[in-house]
Amino acid sequence: MDRADPCGPGVGLDGRGPDDPAGGVGGGGGPPGGRVPDPFGGYSVLDFRSYPLGGTETYAKRSVLWIPADPDYPGHDGRLGQLTIKLQRARGYGRVVEVGTYIVSPDTPEPKDYGCPAFWLYKVADDADDESANAEPYRAVVGPYLQRCGCMAGRCGLACKHADAIWMLMEQGDIPDRSPL
């Protein structure tokens, strides 16, 4: 094998040979559209964003990690990306850290949403024993004057980590505001 090219002599990192006009060693300009298919299932891992959410009475630290989905990925199913929320308790022994990962997909706003964009959050299992991944998805409605979520905190009228995280991503421009207003 050629040291300069892990795919072998005459084959580029995209798997194309030198005679392929689309790319390869000595070939054209790379894969069609200038992108190599993402081996991570359509997520743009190198485009991740991380933001602090600010503390609450219950959680001293809250942060968000956002990995946007690649809409050009061949198997793209309309999801916006993967959201990971990290929480550190404000009180208690060891200040327990909680981490939750969700797939975020857009939803069609309903009249009761007052023109605010709506999203579905699907919990991703951390391991095979994680029962929370079988839970119903949360529907979050987020806007400047309305933040509502179907989780326990949201149903009780408390600050919700899901709605807060989506709102932070909208403010930063990572999730487009799809409101009709």
C-alpha atoms as a PDB file:
ATOM      1  CA  MET A   1       0.000   0.000   0.000  1.00  0.00           C
ATOM      2  CA  ASP A   2       1.090   3.534  -0.743  1.00  0.00           C
ATOM      3  CA  ARG A   3       1.907   5.507   2.420  1.00  0.00           C
ATOM      4  CA  ALA A   4       0.462   8.717   1.004  1.00  0.00           C
ATOM      5  CA  ASP A   5      -2.865   7.109   0.210  1.00  0.00           C
ATOM      6  CA  PRO A   6      -4.459   4.666   2.689  1.00  0.00           C
ATOM      7  CA  CYS A   7      -6.757   3.291  -0.032  1.00  0.00           C
ATOM      8  CA  GLY A   8      -3.848   1.975  -2.057  1.00  0.00           C
ATOM      9  CA  PRO A   9      -1.944   3.222  -5.070  1.00  0.00           C
ATOM     10  CA  GLY A  10      -3.959   5.132  -7.603  1.00  0.00           C
ATOM     11  CA  VAL A  11      -7.149   5.306  -5.529  1.00  0.00           C
ATOM     12  CA  GLY A  12      -8.214   8.484  -3.797  1.00  0.00           C
ATOM     13  CA  LEU A  13      -9.794   8.790  -0.353  1.00  0.00           C
ATOM     14  CA  ASP A  14     -13.196   8.913  -2.034  1.00  0.00           C
ATOM     15  CA  GLY A  15     -12.614   5.475  -3.619  1.00  0.00           C
ATOM     16  CA  ARG A  16     -12.245   6.789  -7.170  1.00  0.00           C
ATOM     17  CA  GLY A  17      -9.366   5.983  -9.455  1.00  0.00           C
ATOM     18  CA  PRO A  18      -7.164   8.382 -11.439  1.00  0.00           C
ATOM     19  CA  ASP A  19      -9.190   7.906 -14.619  1.00  0.00           C
ATOM     20  CA  ASP A  20     -12.448   8.993 -12.982  1.00  0.00           C
ATOM     21  CA  PRO A  21     -13.155  12.621 -13.989  1.00  0.00           C
ATOM     22  CA  ALA A  22     -15.004  13.203 -10.695  1.00  0.00           C
ATOM     23  CA  GLY A  23     -11.996  12.657  -8.467  1.00  0.00           C
ATOM     24  CA  GLY A  24      -9.346  10.259  -7.245  1.00  0.00           C
ATOM     25  CA  VAL A  25      -5.593  10.681  -7.292  1.00  0.00           C
ATOM     26  CA  GLY A  26      -4.737  12.935 -10.193  1.00  0.00           C
ATOM     27  CA  GLY A  27      -8.405  13.143 -11.158  1.00  0.00           C
ATOM     28  CA  GLY A  28     -10.902  16.012 -11.269  1.00  0.00           C
ATOM     29  CA  GLY A  29     -12.082  17.833  -8.191  1.00  0.00           C
ATOM     30  CA  GLY A  30     -13.460  15.302  -5.729  1.00  0.00           C
ATOM     31  CA  PRO A  31     -16.860  13.727  -5.318  1.00  0.00           C
ATOM     32  CA  PRO A  32     -19.974  15.070  -7.026  1.00  0.00           C
ATOM     33  CA  GLY A  33     -21.195  18.190  -5.285  1.00  0.00           C
ATOM     34  CA  GLY A  34     -17.836  18.515  -3.522  1.00  0.00           C
ATOM     35  CA  ARG A  35     -18.860  16.266  -0.605  1.00  0.00           C
ATOM     36  CA  VAL A  36     -17.923  12.795   0.534  1.00  0.00           C
ATOM     37  CA  PRO A  37     -20.957  10.932   1.979  1.00  0.00           C
ATOM     38  CA  ASP A  38     -20.992  11.219   5.765  1.00  0.00           C
ATOM     39  CA  PRO A  39     -20.241   7.889   7.461  1.00  0.00           C
ATOM     40  CA  PHE A  40     -22.132   9.109  10.572  1.00  0.00           C
ATOM     41  CA  GLY A  41     -25.575   8.760   9.018  1.00  0.00           C
ATOM     42  CA  GLY A  42     -26.092  12.249   7.667  1.00  0.00           C
ATOM     43  CA  TYR A  43     -24.853  14.303  10.597  1.00  0.00           C
ATOM     44  CA  SER A  44     -22.338  17.062  10.026  1.00  0.00           C
ATOM     45  CA  VAL A  45     -20.201  16.190  13.039  1.00  0.00           C
ATOM     46  CA  LEU A  46     -17.573  18.801  12.192  1.00  0.00           C
ATOM     47  CA  ASP A  47     -20.271  21.504  12.238  1.00  0.00           C
ATOM     48  CA  PHE A  48     -21.241  20.909  15.885  1.00  0.00           C
ATOM     49  CA  ARG A  49     -22.154  23.815  18.158  1.00  0.00           C
ATOM     50  CA  SER A  50     -21.994  24.035  21.940  1.00  0.00           C
ATOM     51  CA  TYR A  51     -23.741  26.657  24.078  1.00  0.00           C
ATOM     52  CA  PRO A  52     -24.307  27.265  27.787  1.00  0.00           C
ATOM     53  CA  LEU A  53     -27.990  27.435  28.738  1.00  0.00           C
ATOM     54  CA  GLY A  54     -27.563  29.094  32.118  1.00  0.00           C
ATOM     55  CA  GLY A  55     -28.513  27.680  35.489  1.00  0.00           C
ATOM     56  CA  THR A  56     -31.869  27.235  37.171  1.00  0.00           C
ATOM     57  CA  GLU A  57     -32.850  26.603  40.771  1.00  0.00           C
ATOM     58  CA  THR A  58     -32.558  22.858  40.196  1.00  0.00           C
ATOM     59  CA  TYR A  59     -29.532  22.788  37.878  1.00  0.00           C
ATOM     60  CA  ALA A  60     -26.388  24.852  38.495  1.00  0.00           C
ATOM     61  CA  LYS A  61     -25.071  24.312  34.962  1.00  0.00           C
ATOM     62  CA  ARG A  62     -26.873  23.471  31.739  1.00  0.00           C
ATOM     63  CA  SER A  63     -25.315  23.187  28.302  1.00  0.00           C
ATOM     64  CA  VAL A  64     -26.316  22.178  24.787  1.00  0.00           C
ATOM     65  CA  LEU A  65     -24.406  20.314  22.087  1.00  0.00           C
ATOM     66  CA  TRP A  66     -25.986  20.564  18.615  1.00  0.00           C
ATOM     67  CA  ILE A  67     -24.964  18.409  15.645  1.00  0.00           C
ATOM     68  CA  PRO A  68     -26.893  19.533  12.548  1.00  0.00           C
ATOM     69  CA  ALA A  69     -28.167  17.008  10.030  1.00  0.00           C
ATOM     70  CA  ASP A  70     -26.817  17.179   6.511  1.00  0.00           C
ATOM     71  CA  PRO A  71     -29.814  17.770   4.172  1.00  0.00           C
ATOM     72  CA  ASP A  72     -27.677  16.675   1.193  1.00  0.00           C
ATOM     73  CA  TYR A  73     -27.130  13.209   2.680  1.00  0.00           C
ATOM     74  CA  PRO A  74     -28.784  10.576   0.430  1.00  0.00           C
ATOM     75  CA  GLY A  75     -30.864   9.076   3.259  1.00  0.00           C
ATOM     76  CA  HIS A  76     -31.918  12.381   4.841  1.00  0.00           C
ATOM     77  CA  ASP A  77     -35.358  12.028   6.441  1.00  0.00           C
ATOM     78  CA  GLY A  78     -36.104  15.660   7.263  1.00  0.00           C
ATOM     79  CA  ARG A  79     -34.632  15.760  10.758  1.00  0.00           C
ATOM     80  CA  LEU A  80     -32.855  18.951  11.755  1.00  0.00           C
ATOM     81  CA  GLY A  81     -30.120  17.399  13.861  1.00  0.00           C
ATOM     82  CA  GLN A  82     -29.100  15.760  17.105  1.00  0.00           C
ATOM     83  CA  LEU A  83     -29.395  17.651  20.389  1.00  0.00           C
ATOM     84  CA  THR A  84     -27.526  16.670  23.546  1.00  0.00           C
ATOM     85  CA  ILE A  85     -28.455  18.424  26.786  1.00  0.00           C
ATOM     86  CA  LYS A  86     -26.101  18.195  29.770  1.00  0.00           C
ATOM     87  CA  LEU A  87     -27.316  19.168  33.234  1.00  0.00           C
ATOM     88  CA  GLN A  88     -25.463  19.385  36.556  1.00  0.00           C
ATOM     89  CA  ARG A  89     -27.562  19.477  39.718  1.00  0.00           C
ATOM     90  CA  ALA A  90     -27.261  22.530  41.952  1.00  0.00           C
ATOM     91  CA  ARG A  91     -27.596  20.626  45.218  1.00  0.00           C
ATOM     92  CA  GLY A  92     -26.862  17.231  46.621  1.00  0.00           C
ATOM     93  CA  TYR A  93     -23.971  14.902  47.088  1.00  0.00           C
ATOM     94  CA  GLY A  94     -21.658  14.836  44.094  1.00  0.00           C
ATOM     95  CA  ARG A  95     -23.859  17.188  42.061  1.00  0.00           C
ATOM     96  CA  VAL A  96     -25.058  14.516  39.684  1.00  0.00           C
ATOM     97  CA  VAL A  97     -24.671  15.124  35.939  1.00  0.00           C
ATOM     98  CA  GLU A  98     -27.515  14.128  33.628  1.00  0.00           C
ATOM     99  CA  VAL A  99     -27.141  13.806  29.854  1.00  0.00           C
ATOM    100  CA  GLY A 100     -29.948  13.336  27.345  1.00  0.00           C
ATOM    101  CA  THR A 101     -29.697  13.031  23.568  1.00  0.00           C
ATOM    102  CA  TYR A 102     -32.588  13.744  21.200  1.00  0.00           C
ATOM    103  CA  ILE A 103     -33.299  13.723  17.468  1.00  0.00           C
ATOM    104  CA  VAL A 104     -35.008  17.010  16.530  1.00  0.00           C
ATOM    105  CA  SER A 105     -37.531  17.112  13.672  1.00  0.00           C
ATOM    106  CA  PRO A 106     -39.806  19.951  12.588  1.00  0.00           C
ATOM    107  CA  ASP A 107     -43.562  19.727  13.087  1.00  0.00           C
ATOM    108  CA  THR A 108     -46.410  21.619  11.460  1.00  0.00           C
ATOM    109  CA  PRO A 109     -47.644  24.371  13.802  1.00  0.00           C
ATOM    110  CA  GLU A 110     -51.231  24.097  15.008  1.00  0.00           C
ATOM    111  CA  PRO A 111     -53.603  27.046  15.602  1.00  0.00           C
ATOM    112  CA  LYS A 112     -53.031  26.823  19.374  1.00  0.00           C
ATOM    113  CA  ASP A 113     -49.290  27.411  18.771  1.00  0.00           C
ATOM    114  CA  TYR A 114     -49.969  31.084  17.929  1.00  0.00           C
ATOM    115  CA  GLY A 115     -47.669  31.048  14.907  1.00  0.00           C
ATOM    116  CA  CYS A 116     -44.634  29.696  16.801  1.00  0.00           C
ATOM    117  CA  PRO A 117     -42.575  26.883  15.249  1.00  0.00           C
ATOM    118  CA  ALA A 118     -43.074  23.387  16.642  1.00  0.00           C
ATOM    119  CA  PHE A 119     -40.599  20.512  16.901  1.00  0.00           C
ATOM    120  CA  TRP A 120     -40.571  16.833  17.852  1.00  0.00           C
ATOM    121  CA  LEU A 121     -37.813  15.607  20.171  1.00  0.00           C
ATOM    122  CA  TYR A 122     -37.174  11.841  20.076  1.00  0.00           C
ATOM    123  CA  LYS A 123     -35.037  10.435  22.899  1.00  0.00           C
ATOM    124  CA  VAL A 124     -31.999   8.423  21.785  1.00  0.00           C
ATOM    125  CA  ALA A 125     -30.969   5.444  23.937  1.00  0.00           C
ATOM    126  CA  ASP A 126     -27.596   5.812  25.622  1.00  0.00           C
ATOM    127  CA  ASP A 127     -27.298   2.044  25.987  1.00  0.00           C
ATOM    128  CA  ALA A 128     -29.349  -1.118  25.526  1.00  0.00           C
ATOM    129  CA  ASP A 129     -30.791  -0.874  29.068  1.00  0.00           C
ATOM    130  CA  ASP A 130     -32.041   2.704  28.637  1.00  0.00           C
ATOM    131  CA  GLU A 131     -35.833   2.503  29.048  1.00  0.00           C
ATOM    132  CA  SER A 132     -36.320   6.250  28.464  1.00  0.00           C
ATOM    133  CA  ALA A 133     -35.726   5.825  24.721  1.00  0.00           C
ATOM    134  CA  ASN A 134     -39.053   3.983  24.508  1.00  0.00           C
ATOM    135  CA  ALA A 135     -40.908   7.015  25.858  1.00  0.00           C
ATOM    136  CA  GLU A 136     -43.227   9.085  23.723  1.00  0.00           C
ATOM    137  CA  PRO A 137     -41.511  11.942  21.856  1.00  0.00           C
ATOM    138  CA  TYR A 138     -41.867  15.452  23.229  1.00  0.00           C
ATOM    139  CA  ARG A 139     -43.524  18.171  21.171  1.00  0.00           C
ATOM    140  CA  ALA A 140     -41.945  21.555  21.849  1.00  0.00           C
ATOM    141  CA  VAL A 141     -43.444  24.839  20.666  1.00  0.00           C
ATOM    142  CA  VAL A 142     -40.924  27.644  20.874  1.00  0.00           C
ATOM    143  CA  GLY A 143     -41.178  31.355  20.165  1.00  0.00           C
ATOM    144  CA  PRO A 144     -40.364  34.706  21.722  1.00  0.00           C
ATOM    145  CA  TYR A 145     -43.631  34.795  23.712  1.00  0.00           C
ATOM    146  CA  LEU A 146     -44.472  31.109  24.002  1.00  0.00           C
ATOM    147  CA  GLN A 147     -42.388  28.143  25.114  1.00  0.00           C
ATOM    148  CA  ARG A 148     -44.290  24.925  25.674  1.00  0.00           C
ATOM    149  CA  CYS A 149     -43.183  21.302  25.855  1.00  0.00           C
ATOM    150  CA  GLY A 150     -44.874  17.945  26.395  1.00  0.00           C
ATOM    151  CA  CYS A 151     -42.335  16.784  28.991  1.00  0.00           C
ATOM    152  CA  MET A 152     -43.144  16.573  32.725  1.00  0.00           C
ATOM    153  CA  ALA A 153     -41.655  20.004  33.517  1.00  0.00           C
ATOM    154  CA  GLY A 154     -43.391  21.600  30.542  1.00  0.00           C
ATOM    155  CA  ARG A 155     -46.766  20.125  31.506  1.00  0.00           C
ATOM    156  CA  CYS A 156     -46.310  21.491  35.046  1.00  0.00           C
ATOM    157  CA  GLY A 157     -45.511  24.991  33.754  1.00  0.00           C
ATOM    158  CA  LEU A 158     -41.874  24.908  34.881  1.00  0.00           C
ATOM    159  CA  ALA A 159     -38.726  25.837  32.949  1.00  0.00           C
ATOM    160  CA  CYS A 160     -38.149  23.083  30.402  1.00  0.00           C
ATOM    161  CA  LYS A 161     -34.688  22.080  29.204  1.00  0.00           C
ATOM    162  CA  HIS A 162     -36.059  20.985  25.814  1.00  0.00           C
ATOM    163  CA  ALA A 163     -37.801  24.284  24.987  1.00  0.00           C
ATOM    164  CA  ASP A 164     -34.878  26.305  26.412  1.00  0.00           C
ATOM    165  CA  ALA A 165     -32.393  24.377  24.257  1.00  0.00           C
ATOM    166  CA  ILE A 166     -34.461  24.743  21.066  1.00  0.00           C
ATOM    167  CA  TRP A 167     -34.928  28.471  21.742  1.00  0.00           C
ATOM    168  CA  MET A 168     -31.149  28.889  22.261  1.00  0.00           C
ATOM    169  CA  LEU A 169     -30.482  27.166  18.932  1.00  0.00           C
ATOM    170  CA  MET A 170     -33.051  29.382  17.191  1.00  0.00           C
ATOM    171  CA  GLU A 171     -31.510  32.532  18.698  1.00  0.00           C
ATOM    172  CA  GLN A 172     -28.069  31.422  17.490  1.00  0.00           C
ATOM    173  CA  GLY A 173     -29.405  30.702  13.991  1.00  0.00           C
ATOM    174  CA  ASP A 174     -28.677  26.968  14.121  1.00  0.00           C
ATOM    175  CA  ILE A 175     -32.360  26.088  13.746  1.00  0.00           C
ATOM    176  CA  PRO A 176     -34.237  28.311  11.302  1.00  0.00           C
ATOM    177  CA  ASP A 177     -37.319  30.101  12.607  1.00  0.00           C
ATOM    178  CA  ARG A 178     -40.127  28.512  10.602  1.00  0.00           C
ATOM    179  CA  SER A 179     -42.876  30.682  12.037  1.00  0.00           C
ATOM    180  CA  PRO A 180     -45.353  32.010   9.466  1.00  0.00           C
ATOM    181  CA  LEU A 181     -45.319  35.481  11.067  1.00  0.00           C
END
